[in-house]
């Protein structure tokens, strides 16, 4: 492992257990998430359970090197997928017991969503620069002699 890989590995070991824990919470407290589900979501309880399973799978995947890239993409897609619920919560006048109703809560939460997408992609290795000697995107220039 190079020094450049160390921050990504640390991110995986922070994000992985955090996502897995949130996934377990989704499974254990499905009814707590029901109020923020947009009314157009079919089978909202099932969707909450599936998002919990996705968080657990993604979190564990970040900890397994051969699954890390897929997990990073999966968690990025997950963060995009749950964004409508966060928007509904913020703009729909939805009250959830135990959570603040103010923009001091909603604004940072909404602003963090793109950061979570990028962080998942980076931790999964999707946003890394190509290493010296490895082909980057596009055609390679012929070597001159």
Foldseek 3Di string as FASTA:
>chain_A
DDPVCVVLLVLLVVQLVVLLVVLVVLVVCVVLLVQLDPPVDPPSSVVSNVLSVLSNVLSVLLNDLVSLLVSLQSQLVSLVVCLSSLVCLQPVQGDGPPDDNDVVRSVVVNVCSVVSNVSSNVSSPNPDDDDPPDDDPDDDDDDDD
